[in-house]
Amino acid sequence: MNKLSFIPFIICSAPLSIYAQNPQQPNIVLILCDDMGFSDIGCYGSEIKTPHIDQLAQEGVRFSQFKNTGRSCPSRAALLTGRYQHQVGMGWMAEVDEHRPGYRGQIDKEYPTIAEVLKAGGYHTYMSGKWHVTTTGGYGSPNGSYPVQRGFDRYYGCLHGGGSYYKPEPVYNDLKKVTELPDDYYYTKAITDSAVSFVRAHDSREPMFLYVAHYAPHLPLQAPAKYVEKCMDRYKVGYDVLRKQRFEKQKQLGLVPDTMELPIFHKEFGGKRPAWEELTPAQQAQWTKDMATYAAMIEIMDEGIGQLVDEIKKKDMYENTVFIFLSDNGATNEGGFIGQLMSDLSNTPYRSYKKWVFQGGTSTPFILTFGDKKKNQMKGKVCHQPAHIIDILPTCMALGHTDYPKSFSHADLPGTNLLPATTGKPLTDRTLFFEHQSSCAIIKGSWKLVRADRNSQWELIDLSTDPFETHDLSSKYPEKVEEMEAQWIDWANTHKVFPLENKTWTERINFYQQKNPYQKGDR
């Protein structure tokens, strides 16, 4: 099939201009992947082959302490608005509008998205891929929260957060639903092809903001057989060997202290995590096949990133482009016992998974690279300063010399511009806050206070000596626990976090749908 035959909006490419784009407003390409663990790309320790992402890291800077919210919808809301997710109405998920201020299931119109901010500053704005910040009840009839209604000039992708890679639903081209997909459709490649088409049609004299929101490697595990087969042999050694190899590579890369030992998180497995040799042959075979499929999904995404970079170079836009790459949260244990053993590898060296705000759930690779190599002052180096997904909007505003639109209030963004850190300069000290499904945390300096849910006790962690969260110091420093808990409560009170909810996924959706049948999301 023609690579672009599934995209009904193909536009003839604009001729290359002899005029140079204003270097004061670089193109910005923001690439977000989904449910990928901290160690799942080569430049963060993995055996997964990601040469194009690794090249961006080699030319730019990697962050070792970049944090997300622990879950897809909240991270996307924070990325798009530069604010903590509850403040903009996305405290939980897009699956239900709870009719509570912090839990409306989509981004409040009172707060502009990154596309609306940059568009007001002169950017042409495009998005390809997963949206997942429109209330599920709003699908089928644009309710004001679709991408092209929130600042993007063009959009191709799926509004929902999950589903098949071969038949995602619902797929939209701008505001038009795509009802037929070709037989050889694969979502990751479609996301790449649409992003490439946006670049091809863009007038290179004007600044471009392109948000590429990959679905990979989110469940279900689906990839063409030829890609999976290429990955099979490397996973036959099992997770114990691979985990150690990733950790040693992370030390060599400077991502973790070389004095640290790799912990085994028995508690997360209910008391004891099995060694590879303790699995049955059938379990080993299943883990190997599933992990190879997972790796293939990431490698297909990386292949597409290479195609996108090539197209930007063809348009002579590369040197005036800034690339940002990250994941929305850590790897998930939603795939049962085998899936948990996969995520135990993916999140190396951190504890826990997506949905919780321990390090494994909230730690993500983060790469920032200038196409103009002279601007990469920390070329190939690692930045160890704390950063958060709310920092992406102010960073993009600084890159584009763009102000917050005057048509919106609330210009007091809680995030910070990360550009000083990319030159080795210190960022302002600050406190970071987390909450998802009543898993809560606060990081202040080297101290972290964290709990699994509202029914669990707080754990106090000294991240300077225990970045893997293995030693609870709460009984030793009760005053510090009290102090940090009070700060977290103050934040929760002022950011629409309370009351906390601890119903299961299905119970929560059913409860709020029955309580509030109006789920169209057009508010």
Protein backbone atom coordinates (compact mmCIF):
# COMPACT_ATOMS: atom_id res chain seq x y z
CA MET A 1 0.00 0.00 0.00
CA ASN A 2 1.04 3.59 -0.51
CA LYS A 3 2.33 4.70 2.87
CA LEU A 4 -0.12 7.57 2.99
CA SER A 5 -3.15 5.97 1.38
CA PHE A 6 -4.95 5.66 4.71
CA ILE A 7 -4.74 9.42 5.35
CA PRO A 8 -7.51 11.20 3.48
CA PHE A 9 -6.09 14.69 3.87
CA ILE A 10 -2.89 14.35 1.82
CA ILE A 11 -1.85 17.77 0.60
CA CYS A 12 0.69 18.53 -2.10
CA SER A 13 3.96 19.49 -0.55
CA ALA A 14 4.67 23.19 -0.40
CA PRO A 15 7.76 24.17 -2.41
CA LEU A 16 10.92 24.65 -0.42
CA SER A 17 11.36 28.32 0.29
CA ILE A 18 14.52 30.31 -0.40
CA TYR A 19 13.68 32.30 2.72
CA ALA A 20 15.04 31.21 6.08
CA GLN A 21 12.71 30.64 8.99
CA ASN A 22 13.20 32.93 11.97
CA PRO A 23 15.81 31.12 14.11
CA GLN A 24 14.29 32.77 17.17
CA GLN A 25 11.32 30.44 16.76
CA PRO A 26 12.65 26.95 16.14
CA ASN A 27 10.48 24.09 15.03
CA ILE A 28 9.56 21.88 17.99
CA VAL A 29 8.96 18.15 17.59
CA LEU A 30 7.55 16.61 20.78
CA ILE A 31 7.48 12.80 20.76
CA LEU A 32 5.60 10.94 23.51
CA CYS A 33 5.46 7.16 23.78
CA ASP A 34 3.09 5.16 25.95
CA ASP A 35 3.70 2.82 28.92
CA MET A 36 7.43 2.49 28.21
CA GLY A 37 9.76 1.79 31.11
CA PHE A 38 12.76 3.86 32.17
CA SER A 39 15.30 1.39 30.74
CA ASP A 40 13.53 0.41 27.50
CA ILE A 41 15.63 2.35 24.97
CA GLY A 42 19.28 1.81 24.17
CA CYS A 43 20.52 5.14 25.54
CA TYR A 44 18.89 4.29 28.90
CA GLY A 45 20.36 0.80 29.14
CA SER A 46 18.24 -1.47 26.94
CA GLU A 47 19.10 -4.24 24.51
CA ILE A 48 16.12 -3.00 22.45
CA LYS A 49 17.54 -1.46 19.27
CA THR A 50 16.61 2.21 19.11
CA PRO A 51 19.35 3.82 16.96
CA HIS A 52 17.35 6.90 15.98
CA ILE A 53 16.31 7.79 19.53
CA ASP A 54 19.85 7.01 20.68
CA GLN A 55 21.22 9.39 18.05
CA LEU A 56 19.06 12.20 19.43
CA ALA A 57 20.41 11.41 22.90
CA GLN A 58 24.00 11.33 21.65
CA GLU A 59 23.60 14.77 20.10
CA GLY A 60 21.56 16.28 22.96
CA VAL A 61 21.04 15.83 26.69
CA ARG A 62 19.33 13.08 28.69
CA PHE A 63 17.64 13.65 32.04
CA SER A 64 17.95 10.95 34.70
CA GLN A 65 15.40 12.43 37.12
CA PHE A 66 12.49 13.38 34.90
CA LYS A 67 9.08 12.55 36.39
CA ASN A 68 5.58 12.05 35.05
CA THR A 69 2.23 11.60 36.81
CA GLY A 70 2.18 7.79 36.74
CA ARG A 71 -0.65 7.33 34.21
CA SER A 72 -1.58 8.17 30.64
CA CYS A 73 -4.44 10.69 30.80
CA PRO A 74 -3.03 12.70 33.72
CA SER A 75 0.42 12.88 32.09
CA ARG A 76 -1.05 14.04 28.79
CA ALA A 77 -3.11 16.70 30.53
CA ALA A 78 -0.04 17.91 32.44
CA LEU A 79 2.07 17.93 29.28
CA LEU A 80 -0.56 19.80 27.28
CA THR A 81 -1.34 22.45 29.89
CA GLY A 82 1.82 22.82 31.98
CA ARG A 83 -0.22 22.18 35.13
CA TYR A 84 -0.91 19.41 37.58
CA GLN A 85 -3.62 17.24 36.11
CA HIS A 86 -6.31 17.73 38.77
CA GLN A 87 -6.23 21.49 38.32
CA VAL A 88 -7.33 21.13 34.68
CA GLY A 89 -9.97 18.43 35.26
CA MET A 90 -7.99 15.26 34.51
CA GLY A 91 -7.31 13.94 38.00
CA TRP A 92 -8.13 10.39 36.99
CA MET A 93 -8.97 9.11 33.49
CA ALA A 94 -10.93 10.13 30.39
CA GLU A 95 -13.15 7.06 30.75
CA VAL A 96 -15.71 8.86 32.92
CA ASP A 97 -16.81 12.37 33.88
CA GLU A 98 -17.20 12.24 37.66
CA HIS A 99 -18.75 15.73 37.75
CA ARG A 100 -16.21 16.70 40.39
CA PRO A 101 -13.94 19.73 39.65
CA GLY A 102 -10.69 17.78 39.41
CA TYR A 103 -12.18 14.73 37.73
CA ARG A 104 -14.12 15.79 34.63
CA GLY A 105 -12.42 13.38 32.23
CA GLN A 106 -11.05 16.04 29.88
CA ILE A 107 -9.11 19.29 29.96
CA ASP A 108 -11.06 22.30 31.18
CA LYS A 109 -11.48 24.95 28.47
CA GLU A 110 -10.34 27.53 31.01
CA TYR A 111 -6.76 26.35 30.49
CA PRO A 112 -5.03 26.59 27.09
CA THR A 113 -3.16 23.66 25.62
CA ILE A 114 0.43 23.83 24.41
CA ALA A 115 -0.96 24.03 20.87
CA GLU A 116 -3.14 27.02 21.73
CA VAL A 117 -0.23 28.76 23.45
CA LEU A 118 2.23 28.22 20.60
CA LYS A 119 -0.36 28.96 17.92
CA ALA A 120 -0.99 32.34 19.55
CA GLY A 121 2.76 32.89 19.25
CA GLY A 122 2.80 32.27 15.50
CA TYR A 123 3.34 28.51 15.28
CA HIS A 124 1.63 26.12 12.88
CA THR A 125 0.51 23.21 15.04
CA TYR A 126 0.09 19.54 14.14
CA MET A 127 -0.64 16.36 16.04
CA SER A 128 -0.45 12.71 15.10
CA GLY A 129 -1.43 9.85 17.42
CA LYS A 130 -3.09 9.18 20.75
CA TRP A 131 -5.20 11.97 22.28
CA HIS A 132 -6.97 10.44 25.33
CA VAL A 133 -8.02 13.71 26.96
CA THR A 134 -11.62 13.80 25.73
CA THR A 135 -14.28 12.21 27.90
CA THR A 136 -15.20 8.84 26.40
CA GLY A 137 -18.86 9.92 26.39
CA GLY A 138 -17.90 12.73 24.02
CA TYR A 139 -16.83 10.45 21.18
CA GLY A 140 -18.89 10.57 18.01
CA SER A 141 -19.81 14.25 18.10
CA PRO A 142 -17.03 16.85 18.52
CA ASN A 143 -17.61 18.41 21.92
CA GLY A 144 -15.04 21.19 21.90
CA SER A 145 -12.21 19.07 23.26
CA TYR A 146 -10.96 17.35 20.09
CA PRO A 147 -7.37 18.21 19.05
CA VAL A 148 -8.32 20.65 16.27
CA GLN A 149 -10.69 22.33 18.74
CA ARG A 150 -7.86 22.74 21.24
CA GLY A 151 -5.29 24.49 19.09
CA PHE A 152 -4.01 21.97 16.55
CA ASP A 153 -4.28 22.98 12.89
CA ARG A 154 -4.25 19.36 11.76
CA TYR A 155 -4.78 16.02 13.53
CA TYR A 156 -4.72 12.36 12.63
CA GLY A 157 -5.07 9.64 15.24
CA CYS A 158 -7.25 7.83 17.74
CA LEU A 159 -9.07 9.70 20.49
CA HIS A 160 -9.18 6.69 22.80
CA GLY A 161 -6.40 5.44 25.03
CA GLY A 162 -6.36 1.77 24.13
CA GLY A 163 -7.32 -0.90 21.65
CA SER A 164 -6.02 -2.76 18.63
CA TYR A 165 -3.01 -1.59 16.62
CA TYR A 166 -4.70 -2.99 13.54
CA LYS A 167 -8.14 -1.46 14.10
CA PRO A 168 -7.94 1.43 16.60
CA GLU A 169 -11.22 3.18 17.37
CA PRO A 170 -12.21 5.97 16.93
CA VAL A 171 -9.69 7.30 14.39
CA TYR A 172 -10.14 10.91 13.31
CA ASN A 173 -8.80 13.05 10.50
CA ASP A 174 -9.31 16.52 11.97
CA LEU A 175 -13.04 16.39 12.89
CA LYS A 176 -13.96 13.66 10.44
CA LYS A 177 -14.16 10.09 11.67
CA VAL A 178 -12.20 7.59 9.56
CA THR A 179 -14.52 4.62 9.02
CA GLU A 180 -12.38 2.37 6.83
CA LEU A 181 -8.78 1.29 7.35
CA PRO A 182 -6.71 -0.74 4.85
CA ASP A 183 -6.06 -4.42 5.50
CA ASP A 184 -2.36 -3.86 6.26
CA TYR A 185 -2.96 -0.95 8.63
CA TYR A 186 -0.68 -0.73 11.70
CA TYR A 187 -1.25 2.18 14.07
CA THR A 188 2.39 2.98 14.84
CA LYS A 189 3.24 3.25 11.16
CA ALA A 190 0.11 5.29 10.52
CA ILE A 191 1.15 7.76 13.22
CA THR A 192 4.57 8.08 11.58
CA ASP A 193 3.15 8.47 8.08
CA SER A 194 0.71 11.18 9.13
CA ALA A 195 3.45 13.08 11.00
CA VAL A 196 5.68 12.86 7.92
CA SER A 197 2.84 14.15 5.74
CA PHE A 198 2.38 17.15 8.04
CA VAL A 199 6.07 18.01 7.73
CA ARG A 200 5.98 17.53 3.95
CA ALA A 201 3.04 19.94 3.58
CA HIS A 202 4.38 22.52 6.04
CA ASP A 203 5.66 25.87 4.78
CA SER A 204 9.24 25.78 6.04
CA ARG A 205 9.34 29.57 6.33
CA GLU A 206 6.98 29.33 9.31
CA PRO A 207 7.62 27.80 12.77
CA MET A 208 6.18 24.31 13.28
CA PHE A 209 5.05 22.54 16.44
CA LEU A 210 4.52 18.83 15.89
CA TYR A 211 3.23 16.57 18.67
CA VAL A 212 3.73 12.89 17.86
CA ALA A 213 1.88 10.83 20.47
CA HIS A 214 2.74 7.18 19.90
CA TYR A 215 0.52 4.42 21.28
CA ALA A 216 3.45 1.99 21.41
CA PRO A 217 4.33 0.02 23.45
CA HIS A 218 0.97 0.10 25.28
CA LEU A 219 -0.95 -3.17 25.50
CA PRO A 220 -2.13 -5.18 23.58
CA LEU A 221 1.15 -6.74 22.49
CA GLN A 222 0.84 -6.60 18.70
CA ALA A 223 3.53 -6.33 16.04
CA PRO A 224 4.16 -7.79 12.58
CA ALA A 225 5.79 -11.22 12.84
CA LYS A 226 8.95 -10.24 10.94
CA TYR A 227 9.78 -7.63 13.59
CA VAL A 228 9.04 -9.99 16.48
CA GLU A 229 11.20 -12.76 15.04
CA LYS A 230 14.22 -10.46 14.91
CA CYS A 231 13.93 -9.90 18.66
CA MET A 232 13.30 -13.44 19.89
CA ASP A 233 16.82 -14.74 20.49
CA ARG A 234 17.94 -11.90 22.73
CA TYR A 235 15.20 -12.66 25.31
CA LYS A 236 15.85 -16.38 25.71
CA VAL A 237 18.41 -15.67 28.47
CA GLY A 238 15.59 -14.40 30.72
CA TYR A 239 14.95 -11.32 32.79
CA ASP A 240 17.55 -11.85 35.52
CA VAL A 241 20.46 -11.67 33.08
CA LEU A 242 18.94 -8.80 31.10
CA ARG A 243 18.11 -6.78 34.20
CA LYS A 244 21.72 -6.97 35.37
CA GLN A 245 22.98 -6.09 31.92
CA ARG A 246 20.72 -3.04 31.73
CA PHE A 247 21.77 -1.89 35.18
CA GLU A 248 25.48 -2.18 34.39
CA LYS A 249 24.96 -0.25 31.17
CA GLN A 250 23.06 2.44 33.09
CA LYS A 251 26.08 2.80 35.38
CA GLN A 252 28.39 3.14 32.39
CA LEU A 253 26.10 5.75 30.87
CA GLY A 254 26.02 7.75 34.10
CA LEU A 255 22.28 7.32 34.61
CA VAL A 256 22.60 5.69 38.04
CA PRO A 257 25.40 5.92 40.65
CA ASP A 258 28.11 3.35 39.97
CA THR A 259 28.23 2.50 43.67
CA MET A 260 24.64 1.23 43.78
CA GLU A 261 23.54 -2.40 43.78
CA LEU A 262 20.54 -3.58 41.79
CA PRO A 263 17.66 -4.46 44.15
CA ILE A 264 15.15 -7.26 43.63
CA PHE A 265 11.64 -6.06 44.47
CA HIS A 266 10.15 -9.08 46.21
CA LYS A 267 7.43 -7.04 47.94
CA GLU A 268 5.83 -6.13 44.61
CA PHE A 269 5.37 -9.85 43.92
CA GLY A 270 3.61 -10.53 47.20
CA GLY A 271 6.70 -11.67 49.06
CA LYS A 272 9.10 -13.24 46.56
CA ARG A 273 9.86 -12.51 42.95
CA PRO A 274 10.71 -15.79 41.16
CA ALA A 275 14.10 -16.27 39.56
CA TRP A 276 14.08 -17.02 35.82
CA GLU A 277 15.03 -20.64 36.48
CA GLU A 278 11.97 -21.07 38.69
CA LEU A 279 9.54 -20.46 35.83
CA THR A 280 8.09 -23.40 33.95
CA PRO A 281 9.27 -23.91 30.34
CA ALA A 282 5.86 -22.70 29.18
CA GLN A 283 6.15 -19.53 31.27
CA GLN A 284 9.66 -18.89 29.97
CA ALA A 285 8.47 -19.32 26.39
CA GLN A 286 5.55 -16.95 26.96
CA TRP A 287 7.75 -14.30 28.57
CA THR A 288 10.26 -14.58 25.71
CA LYS A 289 7.59 -14.21 23.01
CA ASP A 290 5.80 -11.37 24.79
CA MET A 291 9.01 -9.47 25.51
CA ALA A 292 10.14 -9.88 21.90
CA THR A 293 6.81 -8.47 20.75
CA TYR A 294 7.12 -5.56 23.16
CA ALA A 295 10.64 -4.84 21.91
CA ALA A 296 9.44 -5.02 18.31
CA MET A 297 6.77 -2.42 19.03
CA ILE A 298 9.42 -0.01 20.33
CA GLU A 299 11.73 -0.73 17.40
CA ILE A 300 8.96 0.03 14.91
CA MET A 301 8.36 3.33 16.70
CA ASP A 302 12.09 4.12 16.55
CA GLU A 303 12.14 3.29 12.85
CA GLY A 304 9.35 5.82 12.35
CA ILE A 305 11.21 8.48 14.32
CA GLY A 306 14.09 7.99 11.90
CA GLN A 307 11.74 8.51 8.96
CA LEU A 308 10.40 11.68 10.55
CA VAL A 309 13.89 13.07 11.13
CA ASP A 310 14.81 12.27 7.52
CA GLU A 311 11.79 14.19 6.24
CA ILE A 312 12.68 17.19 8.40
CA LYS A 313 16.19 17.10 6.95
CA LYS A 314 14.80 16.91 3.41
CA LYS A 315 12.85 20.10 4.09
CA ASP A 316 16.10 21.74 5.26
CA MET A 317 14.45 22.30 8.67
CA TYR A 318 16.64 20.09 10.84
CA GLU A 319 19.13 22.66 12.13
CA ASN A 320 16.28 24.88 13.28
CA THR A 321 14.36 22.07 15.01
CA VAL A 322 14.33 21.02 18.65
CA PHE A 323 13.42 17.41 19.45
CA ILE A 324 11.92 16.30 22.76
CA PHE A 325 11.32 12.64 23.59
CA LEU A 326 9.70 11.04 26.66
CA SER A 327 7.23 8.42 27.92
CA ASP A 328 3.94 9.18 29.65
CA ASN A 329 4.57 6.76 32.55
CA GLY A 330 6.50 3.66 33.49
CA ALA A 331 5.83 0.16 32.23
CA THR A 332 2.64 -1.57 33.39
CA ASN A 333 1.95 -4.78 35.30
CA GLU A 334 -1.50 -5.01 33.72
CA GLY A 335 -0.46 -8.07 31.72
CA GLY A 336 -0.76 -10.43 34.70
CA PHE A 337 2.14 -12.44 36.14
CA ILE A 338 4.14 -12.57 32.90
CA GLY A 339 3.42 -8.90 32.26
CA GLN A 340 4.67 -7.98 35.72
CA LEU A 341 7.92 -9.85 35.09
CA MET A 342 8.28 -7.91 31.83
CA SER A 343 7.75 -4.58 33.58
CA ASP A 344 10.19 -5.56 36.31
CA LEU A 345 12.79 -5.55 33.53
CA SER A 346 11.43 -2.47 31.73
CA ASN A 347 11.47 -0.27 34.84
CA THR A 348 15.03 -1.22 35.83
CA PRO A 349 16.25 -0.14 38.35
CA TYR A 350 13.09 1.30 39.86
CA ARG A 351 10.33 -0.03 42.05
CA SER A 352 6.70 -0.58 41.05
CA TYR A 353 4.79 0.25 37.88
CA LYS A 354 2.35 2.47 36.05
CA LYS A 355 -0.63 3.56 38.24
CA TRP A 356 1.53 4.01 41.35
CA VAL A 357 3.72 7.00 42.12
CA PHE A 358 6.77 5.07 43.21
CA GLN A 359 9.82 5.61 41.02
CA GLY A 360 8.93 2.83 38.57
CA GLY A 361 5.60 4.45 37.76
CA THR A 362 6.78 8.04 37.46
CA SER A 363 10.32 7.84 36.02
CA THR A 364 10.67 8.39 32.30
CA PRO A 365 13.46 8.87 29.80
CA PHE A 366 13.62 12.49 28.69
CA ILE A 367 15.78 13.69 25.81
CA LEU A 368 16.12 17.25 24.49
CA THR A 369 18.15 17.83 21.35
CA PHE A 370 18.82 20.88 19.20
CA GLY A 371 19.24 20.17 15.50
CA ASP A 372 21.76 23.00 15.55
CA LYS A 373 24.66 21.10 17.10
CA LYS A 374 26.29 24.31 18.37
CA LYS A 375 23.41 24.70 20.84
CA ASN A 376 23.87 21.25 22.40
CA GLN A 377 26.16 22.42 25.19
CA MET A 378 25.78 19.13 27.09
CA LYS A 379 26.11 16.93 24.02
CA GLY A 380 25.71 13.28 24.99
CA LYS A 381 25.71 14.06 28.70
CA VAL A 382 23.24 13.28 31.48
CA CYS A 383 21.47 15.95 33.52
CA HIS A 384 20.66 14.80 37.07
CA GLN A 385 18.47 17.75 38.03
CA PRO A 386 14.83 16.96 38.92
CA ALA A 387 12.28 17.79 36.23
CA HIS A 388 8.60 17.08 35.67
CA ILE A 389 6.18 16.75 32.79
CA ILE A 390 4.58 20.09 33.76
CA ASP A 391 7.89 21.67 32.66
CA ILE A 392 7.40 20.89 28.97
CA LEU A 393 5.01 23.78 28.25
CA PRO A 394 7.18 26.51 29.84
CA THR A 395 10.22 25.01 28.10
CA CYS A 396 8.48 25.16 24.72
CA MET A 397 7.33 28.71 25.43
CA ALA A 398 10.93 29.67 26.14
CA LEU A 399 12.13 27.97 22.96
CA GLY A 400 9.51 29.78 20.87
CA HIS A 401 9.76 33.14 22.68
CA THR A 402 6.04 32.82 23.19
CA ASP A 403 3.92 34.42 25.89
CA TYR A 404 0.89 32.94 27.60
CA PRO A 405 -2.21 34.00 25.60
CA LYS A 406 -3.89 37.06 27.07
CA SER A 407 -7.28 35.58 26.25
CA PHE A 408 -6.74 33.06 29.07
CA SER A 409 -6.33 33.76 32.76
CA HIS A 410 -4.23 31.68 35.17
CA ALA A 411 -0.84 32.53 33.63
CA ASP A 412 0.96 31.40 36.79
CA LEU A 413 2.40 28.10 35.58
CA PRO A 414 3.79 25.77 38.27
CA GLY A 415 6.41 24.27 35.95
CA THR A 416 9.81 25.63 35.04
CA ASN A 417 11.79 26.24 31.87
CA LEU A 418 14.33 23.41 31.53
CA LEU A 419 16.62 25.14 29.03
CA PRO A 420 19.10 26.35 31.69
CA ALA A 421 19.59 22.74 32.76
CA THR A 422 20.52 21.78 29.19
CA THR A 423 23.50 24.13 29.48
CA GLY A 424 24.59 22.86 32.88
CA LYS A 425 23.03 25.69 34.89
CA PRO A 426 21.06 24.90 38.08
CA LEU A 427 17.29 25.05 38.14
CA THR A 428 15.38 26.68 40.97
CA ASP A 429 14.75 24.33 43.89
CA ARG A 430 11.12 23.29 44.13
CA THR A 431 8.79 20.67 45.50
CA LEU A 432 7.02 18.16 43.24
CA PHE A 433 3.62 16.59 44.00
CA PHE A 434 1.93 13.39 42.84
CA GLU A 435 -1.44 11.65 43.16
CA HIS A 436 -3.14 8.96 41.13
CA GLN A 437 -5.88 6.60 42.33
CA SER A 438 -4.93 7.67 45.89
CA SER A 439 -1.28 6.73 45.42
CA CYS A 440 0.40 9.88 46.68
CA ALA A 441 3.88 11.37 46.87
CA ILE A 442 5.84 14.54 47.44
CA ILE A 443 9.51 15.09 46.55
CA LYS A 444 11.34 17.90 48.31
CA GLY A 445 15.07 18.00 47.86
CA SER A 446 16.38 14.50 48.46
CA TRP A 447 13.35 13.48 50.54
CA LYS A 448 10.38 11.63 49.13
CA LEU A 449 7.19 10.78 51.02
CA VAL A 450 5.12 8.15 49.20
CA ARG A 451 2.30 5.68 49.75
CA ALA A 452 0.69 3.04 47.56
CA ASP A 453 -2.89 4.19 48.26
CA ARG A 454 -4.95 6.03 50.82
CA ASN A 455 -5.19 2.93 53.02
CA SER A 456 -1.42 2.43 53.18
CA GLN A 457 1.09 4.03 55.49
CA TRP A 458 3.41 6.75 54.25
CA GLU A 459 6.97 5.70 53.46
CA LEU A 460 9.82 8.19 53.86
CA ILE A 461 12.69 7.75 51.41
CA ASP A 462 16.07 9.49 51.26
CA LEU A 463 16.60 9.54 47.50
CA SER A 464 20.23 10.65 47.85
CA THR A 465 21.15 7.27 49.34
CA ASP A 466 18.16 5.16 48.33
CA PRO A 467 16.94 6.16 44.83
CA PHE A 468 15.31 2.74 44.41
CA GLU A 469 12.98 3.19 47.42
CA THR A 470 14.01 0.13 49.40
CA HIS A 471 14.35 1.59 52.93
CA ASP A 472 11.44 3.27 54.71
CA LEU A 473 12.72 5.85 57.21
CA SER A 474 9.31 7.04 58.44
CA SER A 475 9.73 5.60 61.95
CA LYS A 476 13.17 7.18 62.26
CA TYR A 477 12.08 10.68 61.19
CA PRO A 478 8.41 11.10 62.19
CA GLU A 479 8.74 14.90 62.22
CA LYS A 480 9.82 14.89 58.58
CA VAL A 481 6.83 12.70 57.70
CA GLU A 482 4.46 15.09 59.45
CA GLU A 483 6.02 18.12 57.78
CA MET A 484 5.89 16.68 54.26
CA GLU A 485 2.41 15.21 54.68
CA ALA A 486 1.16 18.67 55.67
CA GLN A 487 2.71 20.14 52.52
CA TRP A 488 1.12 17.45 50.38
CA ILE A 489 -2.30 18.08 51.97
CA ASP A 490 -1.96 21.83 51.34
CA TRP A 491 -1.23 21.11 47.69
CA ALA A 492 -4.13 18.66 47.42
CA ASN A 493 -6.52 21.18 48.98
CA THR A 494 -5.58 23.86 46.45
CA HIS A 495 -5.42 21.65 43.34
CA LYS A 496 -8.85 19.92 43.34
CA VAL A 497 -7.41 16.58 44.47
CA PHE A 498 -9.81 15.77 47.33
CA PRO A 499 -11.76 13.70 48.05
CA LEU A 500 -9.59 10.70 47.18
CA GLU A 501 -11.28 7.75 45.55
CA ASN A 502 -10.15 4.13 45.87
CA LYS A 503 -12.78 2.20 43.95
CA THR A 504 -11.54 -0.30 41.38
CA TRP A 505 -11.51 0.69 37.70
CA THR A 506 -14.88 -0.86 36.82
CA GLU A 507 -16.53 0.11 40.11
CA ARG A 508 -15.45 3.69 39.69
CA ILE A 509 -16.70 4.01 36.12
CA ASN A 510 -20.03 2.31 36.89
CA PHE A 511 -20.56 4.38 40.04
CA TYR A 512 -20.08 7.75 38.34
CA GLN A 513 -21.93 6.80 35.18
CA GLN A 514 -24.94 5.78 37.27
CA LYS A 515 -24.66 8.85 39.46
CA ASN A 516 -24.22 11.19 36.49
CA PRO A 517 -25.66 9.70 33.28
CA TYR A 518 -24.74 12.87 31.37
CA GLN A 519 -21.36 11.87 29.94
CA LYS A 520 -21.11 13.88 26.73
CA GLY A 521 -18.25 16.00 27.99
CA ASP A 522 -19.42 19.22 26.27
CA ARG A 523 -19.23 21.60 29.15
